[in-house]
């Protein structure tokens, strides 16, 4: 589904992005000098390797379940839950099951 995301309208985040078999799909819908909002859909077995960012990043799981490691500690986050990955700390994501998330990054 490739809907254009319009400001000032209600967005059903779970319907804006689809899963891709064996892949990761992302759709950035806000980018400013101070941050970004990006939707992701991870198929089972997919993930993001360990990395860090110079600012806090918030993950809100909107479908499924994710394993998010921060400083090597695993956290299971399910639909309706969120976690903040602190700036300059290594983190990684892995989909034991399919999941969708909204990633919010705000530069400080």
PDB file of N, CA and C in Angstrom:
ATOM      1  N   UNK A   1       0.855  -1.165   0.000  1.00  0.00           N
ATOM      2  CA  UNK A   1       0.000   0.000   0.000  1.00  0.00           C
ATOM      3  C   UNK A   1       0.903   1.230   0.000  1.00  0.00           C
ATOM      4  N   UNK A   2       0.744   2.112  -0.969  1.00  0.00           N
ATOM      5  CA  UNK A   2       1.601   3.281  -1.060  1.00  0.00           C
ATOM      6  C   UNK A   2       0.755   4.541  -0.987  1.00  0.00           C
ATOM      7  N   UNK A   3       0.074   4.716   0.135  1.00  0.00           N
ATOM      8  CA  UNK A   3      -0.751   5.901   0.343  1.00  0.00           C
ATOM      9  C   UNK A   3       0.138   7.096   0.631  1.00  0.00           C
ATOM     10  N   UNK A   4      -0.202   8.216   0.056  1.00  0.00           N
ATOM     11  CA  UNK A   4       0.471   9.461   0.412  1.00  0.00           C
ATOM     12  C   UNK A   4      -0.034   9.865   1.794  1.00  0.00           C
ATOM     13  N   UNK A   5       0.865  10.236   2.665  1.00  0.00           N
ATOM     14  CA  UNK A   5       0.488  10.624   4.013  1.00  0.00           C
ATOM     15  C   UNK A   5       0.301  12.135   4.024  1.00  0.00           C
ATOM     16  N   UNK A   6      -0.906  12.546   4.287  1.00  0.00           N
ATOM     17  CA  UNK A   6      -1.250  13.962   4.258  1.00  0.00           C
ATOM     18  C   UNK A   6      -1.344  14.517   5.665  1.00  0.00           C
ATOM     19  N   UNK A   7      -0.750  15.679   5.859  1.00  0.00           N
ATOM     20  CA  UNK A   7      -0.854  16.348   7.155  1.00  0.00           C
ATOM     21  C   UNK A   7      -2.290  16.808   7.355  1.00  0.00           C
ATOM     22  N   UNK A   8      -2.732  16.819   8.600  1.00  0.00           N
ATOM     23  CA  UNK A   8      -4.078  17.274   8.920  1.00  0.00           C
ATOM     24  C   UNK A   8      -5.151  16.234   8.714  1.00  0.00           C
ATOM     25  N   UNK A   9      -4.757  14.967   8.490  1.00  0.00           N
ATOM     26  CA  UNK A   9      -5.724  13.878   8.347  1.00  0.00           C
ATOM     27  C   UNK A   9      -5.407  12.786   9.355  1.00  0.00           C
ATOM     28  N   UNK A  10      -6.393  11.975   9.663  1.00  0.00           N
ATOM     29  CA  UNK A  10      -6.193  10.851  10.567  1.00  0.00           C
ATOM     30  C   UNK A  10      -5.405   9.774   9.831  1.00  0.00           C
ATOM     31  N   UNK A  11      -4.387   9.253  10.491  1.00  0.00           N
ATOM     32  CA  UNK A  11      -3.532   8.226   9.903  1.00  0.00           C
ATOM     33  C   UNK A  11      -3.684   6.944  10.711  1.00  0.00           C
ATOM     34  N   UNK A  12      -4.053   5.859  10.055  1.00  0.00           N
ATOM     35  CA  UNK A  12      -4.104   4.552  10.699  1.00  0.00           C
ATOM     36  C   UNK A  12      -2.754   3.904  10.409  1.00  0.00           C
ATOM     37  N   UNK A  13      -1.836   4.043  11.359  1.00  0.00           N
ATOM     38  CA  UNK A  13      -0.445   3.657  11.116  1.00  0.00           C
ATOM     39  C   UNK A  13      -0.288   2.215  10.659  1.00  0.00           C
ATOM     40  N   UNK A  14      -1.098   1.325  11.172  1.00  0.00           N
ATOM     41  CA  UNK A  14      -0.985  -0.088  10.813  1.00  0.00           C
ATOM     42  C   UNK A  14      -1.376  -0.350   9.358  1.00  0.00           C
ATOM     43  N   UNK A  15      -2.097   0.588   8.744  1.00  0.00           N
ATOM     44  CA  UNK A  15      -2.539   0.412   7.353  1.00  0.00           C
ATOM     45  C   UNK A  15      -1.684   1.182   6.352  1.00  0.00           C
ATOM     46  N   UNK A  16      -0.773   2.009   6.819  1.00  0.00           N
ATOM     47  CA  UNK A  16       0.015   2.854   5.933  1.00  0.00           C
ATOM     48  C   UNK A  16       1.203   2.107   5.329  1.00  0.00           C
ATOM     49  N   UNK A  17       1.645   1.047   5.986  1.00  0.00           N
ATOM     50  CA  UNK A  17       2.812   0.304   5.518  1.00  0.00           C
ATOM     51  C   UNK A  17       2.489  -1.187   5.548  1.00  0.00           C
ATOM     52  N   UNK A  18       2.944  -1.905   4.518  1.00  0.00           N
ATOM     53  CA  UNK A  18       2.710  -3.342   4.408  1.00  0.00           C
ATOM     54  C   UNK A  18       3.999  -4.110   4.660  1.00  0.00           C
ATOM     55  N   UNK A  19       3.853  -5.353   5.027  1.00  0.00           N
ATOM     56  CA  UNK A  19       4.998  -6.245   5.161  1.00  0.00           C
ATOM     57  C   UNK A  19       5.486  -6.667   3.777  1.00  0.00           C
ATOM     58  N   UNK A  20       6.783  -6.940   3.677  1.00  0.00           N
ATOM     59  CA  UNK A  20       7.366  -7.516   2.467  1.00  0.00           C
ATOM     60  C   UNK A  20       8.019  -8.829   2.883  1.00  0.00           C
ATOM     61  N   UNK A  21       7.650  -9.896   2.215  1.00  0.00           N
ATOM     62  CA  UNK A  21       8.189 -11.200   2.584  1.00  0.00           C
ATOM     63  C   UNK A  21       9.711 -11.183   2.536  1.00  0.00           C
ATOM     64  N   UNK A  22      10.323 -11.558   3.669  1.00  0.00           N
ATOM     65  CA  UNK A  22      11.775 -11.634   3.760  1.00  0.00           C
ATOM     66  C   UNK A  22      12.477 -10.288   3.809  1.00  0.00           C
ATOM     67  N   UNK A  23      11.735  -9.219   4.107  1.00  0.00           N
ATOM     68  CA  UNK A  23      12.367  -7.909   4.053  1.00  0.00           C
ATOM     69  C   UNK A  23      11.936  -6.940   5.138  1.00  0.00           C
ATOM     70  N   UNK A  24      12.482  -5.745   5.013  1.00  0.00           N
ATOM     71  CA  UNK A  24      12.157  -4.621   5.888  1.00  0.00           C
ATOM     72  C   UNK A  24      11.691  -3.484   4.992  1.00  0.00           C
ATOM     73  N   UNK A  25      10.559  -2.898   5.331  1.00  0.00           N
ATOM     74  CA  UNK A  25      10.018  -1.774   4.573  1.00  0.00           C
ATOM     75  C   UNK A  25      10.008  -0.562   5.482  1.00  0.00           C
ATOM     76  N   UNK A  26      10.392   0.589   4.951  1.00  0.00           N
ATOM     77  CA  UNK A  26      10.320   1.818   5.745  1.00  0.00           C
ATOM     78  C   UNK A  26       9.646   2.913   4.933  1.00  0.00           C
ATOM     79  N   UNK A  27       8.971   3.803   5.648  1.00  0.00           N
ATOM     80  CA  UNK A  27       8.296   4.931   5.015  1.00  0.00           C
ATOM     81  C   UNK A  27       8.439   6.131   5.941  1.00  0.00           C
ATOM     82  N   UNK A  28       9.310   7.043   5.542  1.00  0.00           N
ATOM     83  CA  UNK A  28       9.502   8.266   6.325  1.00  0.00           C
ATOM     84  C   UNK A  28       8.395   9.241   5.938  1.00  0.00           C
ATOM     85  N   UNK A  29       7.716   9.796   6.939  1.00  0.00           N
ATOM     86  CA  UNK A  29       6.668  10.731   6.578  1.00  0.00           C
ATOM     87  C   UNK A  29       6.799  12.096   7.225  1.00  0.00           C
ATOM     88  N   UNK A  30       7.788  12.276   8.060  1.00  0.00           N
ATOM     89  CA  UNK A  30       8.124  13.616   8.542  1.00  0.00           C
ATOM     90  C   UNK A  30       9.640  13.691   8.633  1.00  0.00           C
ATOM     91  N   UNK A  31      10.204  14.752   8.072  1.00  0.00           N
ATOM     92  CA  UNK A  31      11.642  15.025   8.215  1.00  0.00           C
ATOM     93  C   UNK A  31      11.789  16.530   8.355  1.00  0.00           C
ATOM     94  N   UNK A  32      12.369  16.928   9.488  1.00  0.00           N
ATOM     95  CA  UNK A  32      12.662  18.339   9.724  1.00  0.00           C
ATOM     96  C   UNK A  32      14.084  18.439  10.229  1.00  0.00           C
ATOM     97  N   UNK A  33      14.545  19.641  10.457  1.00  0.00           N
ATOM     98  CA  UNK A  33      15.887  19.835  11.014  1.00  0.00           C
ATOM     99  C   UNK A  33      16.004  19.273  12.420  1.00  0.00           C
ATOM    100  N   UNK A  34      14.865  19.091  13.096  1.00  0.00           N
ATOM    101  CA  UNK A  34      14.901  18.638  14.488  1.00  0.00           C
ATOM    102  C   UNK A  34      14.539  17.171  14.675  1.00  0.00           C
ATOM    103  N   UNK A  35      14.124  16.472  13.624  1.00  0.00           N
ATOM    104  CA  UNK A  35      13.819  15.063  13.804  1.00  0.00           C
ATOM    105  C   UNK A  35      13.064  14.426  12.654  1.00  0.00           C
ATOM    106  N   UNK A  36      12.742  13.144  12.841  1.00  0.00           N
ATOM    107  CA  UNK A  36      12.036  12.364  11.823  1.00  0.00           C
ATOM    108  C   UNK A  36      10.994  11.452  12.459  1.00  0.00           C
ATOM    109  N   UNK A  37       9.986  11.099  11.671  1.00  0.00           N
ATOM    110  CA  UNK A  37       9.015  10.048  12.001  1.00  0.00           C
ATOM    111  C   UNK A  37       9.045   9.060  10.849  1.00  0.00           C
ATOM    112  N   UNK A  38       9.323   7.795  11.165  1.00  0.00           N
ATOM    113  CA  UNK A  38       9.426   6.778  10.125  1.00  0.00           C
ATOM    114  C   UNK A  38       8.688   5.528  10.560  1.00  0.00           C
ATOM    115  N   UNK A  39       7.854   4.996   9.669  1.00  0.00           N
ATOM    116  CA  UNK A  39       7.192   3.716   9.905  1.00  0.00           C
ATOM    117  C   UNK A  39       8.061   2.610   9.324  1.00  0.00           C
ATOM    118  N   UNK A  40       8.125   1.492  10.026  1.00  0.00           N
ATOM    119  CA  UNK A  40       8.865   0.314   9.553  1.00  0.00           C
ATOM    120  C   UNK A  40       7.961  -0.908   9.654  1.00  0.00           C
ATOM    121  N   UNK A  41       8.147  -1.852   8.732  1.00  0.00           N
ATOM    122  CA  UNK A  41       7.512  -3.166   8.803  1.00  0.00           C
ATOM    123  C   UNK A  41       8.618  -4.204   8.613  1.00  0.00           C
ATOM    124  N   UNK A  42       8.801  -5.072   9.606  1.00  0.00           N
ATOM    125  CA  UNK A  42       9.840  -6.105   9.583  1.00  0.00           C
ATOM    126  C   UNK A  42       9.185  -7.462   9.435  1.00  0.00           C
ATOM    127  N   UNK A  43       9.604  -8.236   8.445  1.00  0.00           N
ATOM    128  CA  UNK A  43       9.133  -9.606   8.336  1.00  0.00           C
ATOM    129  C   UNK A  43       9.866 -10.451   9.373  1.00  0.00           C
ATOM    130  N   UNK A  44       9.295 -11.579   9.708  1.00  0.00           N
ATOM    131  CA  UNK A  44       9.917 -12.497  10.667  1.00  0.00           C
ATOM    132  C   UNK A  44      11.349 -12.797  10.248  1.00  0.00           C
ATOM    133  N   UNK A  45      12.266 -12.738  11.215  1.00  0.00           N
ATOM    134  CA  UNK A  45      13.664 -13.046  10.953  1.00  0.00           C
ATOM    135  C   UNK A  45      14.495 -11.855  10.497  1.00  0.00           C
ATOM    136  N   UNK A  46      13.869 -10.705  10.312  1.00  0.00           N
ATOM    137  CA  UNK A  46      14.579  -9.512   9.856  1.00  0.00           C
ATOM    138  C   UNK A  46      14.938  -8.624  11.048  1.00  0.00           C
ATOM    139  N   UNK A  47      15.823  -7.675  10.838  1.00  0.00           N
ATOM    140  CA  UNK A  47      16.184  -6.778  11.917  1.00  0.00           C
ATOM    141  C   UNK A  47      17.119  -5.687  11.465  1.00  0.00           C
ATOM    142  N   UNK A  48      17.615  -4.947  12.424  1.00  0.00           N
ATOM    143  CA  UNK A  48      18.642  -3.923  12.213  1.00  0.00           C
ATOM    144  C   UNK A  48      19.814  -4.274  13.097  1.00  0.00           C
ATOM    145  N   UNK A  49      21.008  -4.315  12.517  1.00  0.00           N
ATOM    146  CA  UNK A  49      22.189  -4.679  13.288  1.00  0.00           C
ATOM    147  C   UNK A  49      22.531  -3.589  14.295  1.00  0.00           C
ATOM    148  N   UNK A  50      23.369  -3.957  15.243  1.00  0.00           N
ATOM    149  CA  UNK A  50      23.707  -3.039  16.326  1.00  0.00           C
ATOM    150  C   UNK A  50      24.352  -1.761  15.780  1.00  0.00           C
ATOM    151  N   UNK A  51      23.873  -0.648  16.296  1.00  0.00           N
ATOM    152  CA  UNK A  51      24.378   0.672  15.927  1.00  0.00           C
ATOM    153  C   UNK A  51      24.030   1.636  17.056  1.00  0.00           C
ATOM    154  N   UNK A  52      24.446   2.868  16.951  1.00  0.00           N
ATOM    155  CA  UNK A  52      24.048   3.886  17.927  1.00  0.00           C
ATOM    156  C   UNK A  52      23.735   5.166  17.169  1.00  0.00           C
ATOM    157  N   UNK A  53      23.066   6.083  17.844  1.00  0.00           N
ATOM    158  CA  UNK A  53      22.697   7.361  17.254  1.00  0.00           C
ATOM    159  C   UNK A  53      23.035   8.458  18.258  1.00  0.00           C
ATOM    160  N   UNK A  54      23.287   9.666  17.765  1.00  0.00           N
ATOM    161  CA  UNK A  54      23.674  10.746  18.676  1.00  0.00           C
ATOM    162  C   UNK A  54      22.496  11.426  19.374  1.00  0.00           C
ATOM    163  N   UNK A  55      21.309  10.817  19.277  1.00  0.00           N
ATOM    164  CA  UNK A  55      20.122  11.380  19.931  1.00  0.00           C
ATOM    165  C   UNK A  55      19.190  10.250  20.314  1.00  0.00           C
ATOM    166  N   UNK A  56      18.277  10.510  21.255  1.00  0.00           N
ATOM    167  CA  UNK A  56      17.316   9.497  21.687  1.00  0.00           C
ATOM    168  C   UNK A  56      16.412   9.095  20.519  1.00  0.00           C
ATOM    169  N   UNK A  57      15.998   7.837  20.510  1.00  0.00           N
ATOM    170  CA  UNK A  57      15.076   7.326  19.494  1.00  0.00           C
ATOM    171  C   UNK A  57      13.988   6.520  20.202  1.00  0.00           C
ATOM    172  N   UNK A  58      12.743   6.840  19.901  1.00  0.00           N
ATOM    173  CA  UNK A  58      11.610   6.158  20.519  1.00  0.00           C
ATOM    174  C   UNK A  58      10.998   5.190  19.522  1.00  0.00           C
ATOM    175  N   UNK A  59      10.815   3.945  19.954  1.00  0.00           N
ATOM    176  CA  UNK A  59      10.145   2.924  19.146  1.00  0.00           C
ATOM    177  C   UNK A  59       8.777   2.665  19.752  1.00  0.00           C
ATOM    178  N   UNK A  60       7.730   2.826  18.941  1.00  0.00           N
ATOM    179  CA  UNK A  60       6.368   2.470  19.326  1.00  0.00           C
ATOM    180  C   UNK A  60       5.958   1.304  18.441  1.00  0.00           C
ATOM    181  N   UNK A  61       5.709   0.143  19.038  1.00  0.00           N
ATOM    182  CA  UNK A  61       5.305  -1.031  18.262  1.00  0.00           C
ATOM    183  C   UNK A  61       3.807  -0.920  17.993  1.00  0.00           C
ATOM    184  N   UNK A  62       3.437  -0.982  16.712  1.00  0.00           N
ATOM    185  CA  UNK A  62       2.023  -0.829  16.336  1.00  0.00           C
ATOM    186  C   UNK A  62       1.397  -2.143  15.887  1.00  0.00           C
ATOM    187  N   UNK A  63       2.229  -3.155  15.652  1.00  0.00           N
ATOM    188  CA  UNK A  63       1.720  -4.475  15.288  1.00  0.00           C
ATOM    189  C   UNK A  63       2.798  -5.497  15.618  1.00  0.00           C
ATOM    190  N   UNK A  64       2.404  -6.627  16.148  1.00  0.00           N
ATOM    191  CA  UNK A  64       3.344  -7.704  16.408  1.00  0.00           C
ATOM    192  C   UNK A  64       4.188  -7.489  17.647  1.00  0.00           C
ATOM    193  N   UNK A  65       5.426  -7.954  17.551  1.00  0.00           N
ATOM    194  CA  UNK A  65       6.317  -7.994  18.709  1.00  0.00           C
ATOM    195  C   UNK A  65       7.756  -7.903  18.229  1.00  0.00           C
ATOM    196  N   UNK A  66       8.591  -7.158  18.971  1.00  0.00           N
ATOM    197  CA  UNK A  66       9.992  -6.981  18.601  1.00  0.00           C
ATOM    198  C   UNK A  66      10.903  -7.275  19.777  1.00  0.00           C
ATOM    199  N   UNK A  67      12.107  -7.721  19.458  1.00  0.00           N
ATOM    200  CA  UNK A  67      13.170  -7.796  20.453  1.00  0.00           C
ATOM    201  C   UNK A  67      14.100  -6.627  20.177  1.00  0.00           C
ATOM    202  N   UNK A  68      14.271  -5.786  21.169  1.00  0.00           N
ATOM    203  CA  UNK A  68      15.158  -4.633  21.039  1.00  0.00           C
ATOM    204  C   UNK A  68      16.226  -4.754  22.107  1.00  0.00           C
ATOM    205  N   UNK A  69      17.483  -4.784  21.661  1.00  0.00           N
ATOM    206  CA  UNK A  69      18.603  -4.847  22.598  1.00  0.00           C
ATOM    207  C   UNK A  69      19.196  -3.459  22.742  1.00  0.00           C
ATOM    208  N   UNK A  70      19.371  -3.057  23.997  1.00  0.00           N
ATOM    209  CA  UNK A  70      20.033  -1.795  24.319  1.00  0.00           C
ATOM    210  C   UNK A  70      21.180  -2.135  25.258  1.00  0.00           C
ATOM    211  N   UNK A  71      22.381  -1.764  24.868  1.00  0.00           N
ATOM    212  CA  UNK A  71      23.576  -2.111  25.659  1.00  0.00           C
ATOM    213  C   UNK A  71      23.641  -3.611  25.939  1.00  0.00           C
ATOM    214  N   UNK A  72      23.202  -4.420  24.961  1.00  0.00           N
ATOM    215  CA  UNK A  72      23.257  -5.867  25.082  1.00  0.00           C
ATOM    216  C   UNK A  72      22.131  -6.500  25.881  1.00  0.00           C
ATOM    217  N   UNK A  73      21.242  -5.698  26.450  1.00  0.00           N
ATOM    218  CA  UNK A  73      20.116  -6.208  27.236  1.00  0.00           C
ATOM    219  C   UNK A  73      18.881  -6.287  26.344  1.00  0.00           C
ATOM    220  N   UNK A  74      18.295  -7.486  26.260  1.00  0.00           N
ATOM    221  CA  UNK A  74      17.130  -7.696  25.389  1.00  0.00           C
ATOM    222  C   UNK A  74      15.842  -7.261  26.077  1.00  0.00           C
ATOM    223  N   UNK A  75      14.995  -6.577  25.312  1.00  0.00           N
ATOM    224  CA  UNK A  75      13.669  -6.150  25.769  1.00  0.00           C
ATOM    225  C   UNK A  75      12.661  -6.616  24.728  1.00  0.00           C
ATOM    226  N   UNK A  76      11.587  -7.234  25.161  1.00  0.00           N
ATOM    227  CA  UNK A  76      10.510  -7.623  24.257  1.00  0.00           C
ATOM    228  C   UNK A  76       9.440  -6.541  24.338  1.00  0.00           C
ATOM    229  N   UNK A  77       9.124  -5.954  23.193  1.00  0.00           N
ATOM    230  CA  UNK A  77       8.145  -4.869  23.127  1.00  0.00           C
ATOM    231  C   UNK A  77       7.042  -5.305  22.176  1.00  0.00           C
ATOM    232  N   UNK A  78       5.788  -5.195  22.638  1.00  0.00           N
ATOM    233  CA  UNK A  78       4.631  -5.671  21.877  1.00  0.00           C
ATOM    234  C   UNK A  78       3.768  -4.504  21.420  1.00  0.00           C
ATOM    235  N   UNK A  79       2.835  -4.808  20.526  1.00  0.00           N
ATOM    236  CA  UNK A  79       1.908  -3.793  20.016  1.00  0.00           C
ATOM    237  C   UNK A  79       1.305  -3.023  21.181  1.00  0.00           C
ATOM    238  N   UNK A  80       1.315  -1.697  21.044  1.00  0.00           N
ATOM    239  CA  UNK A  80       0.786  -0.837  22.091  1.00  0.00           C
ATOM    240  C   UNK A  80       1.829  -0.399  23.101  1.00  0.00           C
ATOM    241  N   UNK A  81       3.052  -0.923  22.989  1.00  0.00           N
ATOM    242  CA  UNK A  81       4.119  -0.559  23.914  1.00  0.00           C
ATOM    243  C   UNK A  81       5.200   0.234  23.189  1.00  0.00           C
ATOM    244  N   UNK A  82       6.024   0.912  23.984  1.00  0.00           N
ATOM    245  CA  UNK A  82       7.128   1.678  23.407  1.00  0.00           C
ATOM    246  C   UNK A  82       8.358   1.580  24.293  1.00  0.00           C
ATOM    247  N   UNK A  83       9.497   1.935  23.701  1.00  0.00           N
ATOM    248  CA  UNK A  83      10.752   1.962  24.435  1.00  0.00           C
ATOM    249  C   UNK A  83      11.595   3.099  23.865  1.00  0.00           C
ATOM    250  N   UNK A  84      12.352   3.752  24.738  1.00  0.00           N
ATOM    251  CA  UNK A  84      13.243   4.825  24.307  1.00  0.00           C
ATOM    252  C   UNK A  84      14.670   4.286  24.312  1.00  0.00           C
ATOM    253  N   UNK A  85      15.308   4.370  23.162  1.00  0.00           N
ATOM    254  CA  UNK A  85      16.702   3.956  23.033  1.00  0.00           C
ATOM    255  C   UNK A  85      17.552   5.205  23.257  1.00  0.00           C
ATOM    256  N   UNK A  86      18.348   5.237  24.327  1.00  0.00           N
ATOM    257  CA  UNK A  86      19.085   6.456  24.656  1.00  0.00           C
ATOM    258  C   UNK A  86      20.212   6.763  23.668  1.00  0.00           C
ATOM    259  N   UNK A  87      20.468   8.047  23.519  1.00  0.00           N
ATOM    260  CA  UNK A  87      21.540   8.518  22.640  1.00  0.00           C
ATOM    261  C   UNK A  87      22.871   7.874  23.010  1.00  0.00           C
ATOM    262  N   UNK A  88      23.630   7.558  21.979  1.00  0.00           N
ATOM    263  CA  UNK A  88      25.001   7.058  22.118  1.00  0.00           C
ATOM    264  C   UNK A  88      25.120   5.713  22.815  1.00  0.00           C
ATOM    265  N   UNK A  89      24.029   4.951  22.891  1.00  0.00           N
ATOM    266  CA  UNK A  89      24.061   3.597  23.430  1.00  0.00           C
ATOM    267  C   UNK A  89      23.800   2.621  22.288  1.00  0.00           C
ATOM    268  N   UNK A  90      24.583   1.563  22.167  1.00  0.00           N
ATOM    269  CA  UNK A  90      24.357   0.609  21.089  1.00  0.00           C
ATOM    270  C   UNK A  90      23.012  -0.093  21.253  1.00  0.00           C
ATOM    271  N   UNK A  91      22.310  -0.236  20.118  1.00  0.00           N
ATOM    272  CA  UNK A  91      21.018  -0.916  20.129  1.00  0.00           C
ATOM    273  C   UNK A  91      20.834  -1.670  18.823  1.00  0.00           C
ATOM    274  N   UNK A  92      19.952  -2.671  18.860  1.00  0.00           N
ATOM    275  CA  UNK A  92      19.650  -3.491  17.687  1.00  0.00           C
ATOM    276  C   UNK A  92      18.203  -3.961  17.797  1.00  0.00           C
ATOM    277  N   UNK A  93      17.606  -4.308  16.651  1.00  0.00           N
ATOM    278  CA  UNK A  93      16.231  -4.800  16.632  1.00  0.00           C
ATOM    279  C   UNK A  93      16.186  -6.132  15.890  1.00  0.00           C
ATOM    280  N   UNK A  94      15.300  -7.020  16.344  1.00  0.00           N
ATOM    281  CA  UNK A  94      15.127  -8.306  15.674  1.00  0.00           C
ATOM    282  C   UNK A  94      13.669  -8.731  15.752  1.00  0.00           C
ATOM    283  N   UNK A  95      13.175  -9.256  14.637  1.00  0.00           N
ATOM    284  CA  UNK A  95      11.781  -9.707  14.557  1.00  0.00           C
ATOM    285  C   UNK A  95      11.707 -11.223  14.701  1.00  0.00           C
ATOM    286  N   UNK A  96      11.399 -11.709  15.912  1.00  0.00           N
ATOM    287  CA  UNK A  96      11.114 -13.133  16.070  1.00  0.00           C
ATOM    288  C   UNK A  96       9.789 -13.439  15.391  1.00  0.00           C
ATOM    289  N   UNK A  97       8.918 -12.440  15.350  1.00  0.00           N
ATOM    290  CA  UNK A  97       7.637 -12.463  14.646  1.00  0.00           C
ATOM    291  C   UNK A  97       7.576 -11.167  13.845  1.00  0.00           C
ATOM    292  N   UNK A  98       6.697 -11.101  12.866  1.00  0.00           N
ATOM    293  CA  UNK A  98       6.514  -9.852  12.124  1.00  0.00           C
ATOM    294  C   UNK A  98       6.143  -8.723  13.085  1.00  0.00           C
ATOM    295  N   UNK A  99       6.638  -7.528  12.806  1.00  0.00           N
ATOM    296  CA  UNK A  99       6.195  -6.377  13.589  1.00  0.00           C
ATOM    297  C   UNK A  99       6.322  -5.093  12.787  1.00  0.00           C
ATOM    298  N   UNK A 100       5.504  -4.126  13.198  1.00  0.00           N
ATOM    299  CA  UNK A 100       5.553  -2.785  12.625  1.00  0.00           C
ATOM    300  C   UNK A 100       5.830  -1.818  13.759  1.00  0.00           C
ATOM    301  N   UNK A 101       6.588  -0.760  13.435  1.00  0.00           N
ATOM    302  CA  UNK A 101       6.910   0.217  14.466  1.00  0.00           C
ATOM    303  C   UNK A 101       6.939   1.615  13.880  1.00  0.00           C
ATOM    304  N   UNK A 102       6.728   2.581  14.757  1.00  0.00           N
ATOM    305  CA  UNK A 102       6.921   3.974  14.433  1.00  0.00           C
ATOM    306  C   UNK A 102       8.173   4.422  15.182  1.00  0.00           C
ATOM    307  N   UNK A 103       9.164   4.894  14.432  1.00  0.00           N
ATOM    308  CA  UNK A 103      10.414   5.361  15.010  1.00  0.00           C
ATOM    309  C   UNK A 103      10.393   6.889  15.020  1.00  0.00           C
ATOM    310  N   UNK A 104      10.557   7.475  16.208  1.00  0.00           N
ATOM    311  CA  UNK A 104      10.599   8.917  16.354  1.00  0.00           C
ATOM    312  C   UNK A 104      11.983   9.305  16.846  1.00  0.00           C
ATOM    313  N   UNK A 105      12.660  10.128  16.067  1.00  0.00           N
ATOM    314  CA  UNK A 105      13.982  10.604  16.465  1.00  0.00           C
ATOM    315  C   UNK A 105      13.924  12.126  16.569  1.00  0.00           C
ATOM    316  N   UNK A 106      14.336  12.644  17.709  1.00  0.00           N
ATOM    317  CA  UNK A 106      14.337  14.078  17.937  1.00  0.00           C
ATOM    318  C   UNK A 106      15.748  14.495  18.301  1.00  0.00           C
ATOM    319  N   UNK A 107      16.278  15.365  17.489  1.00  0.00           N
ATOM    320  CA  UNK A 107      17.635  15.845  17.744  1.00  0.00           C
ATOM    321  C   UNK A 107      17.617  16.876  18.858  1.00  0.00           C
ATOM    322  N   UNK A 108      18.562  16.757  19.773  1.00  0.00           N
ATOM    323  CA  UNK A 108      18.599  17.670  20.909  1.00  0.00           C
ATOM    324  C   UNK A 108      19.627  18.757  20.745  1.00  0.00           C
TER     325      UNK A 108
END
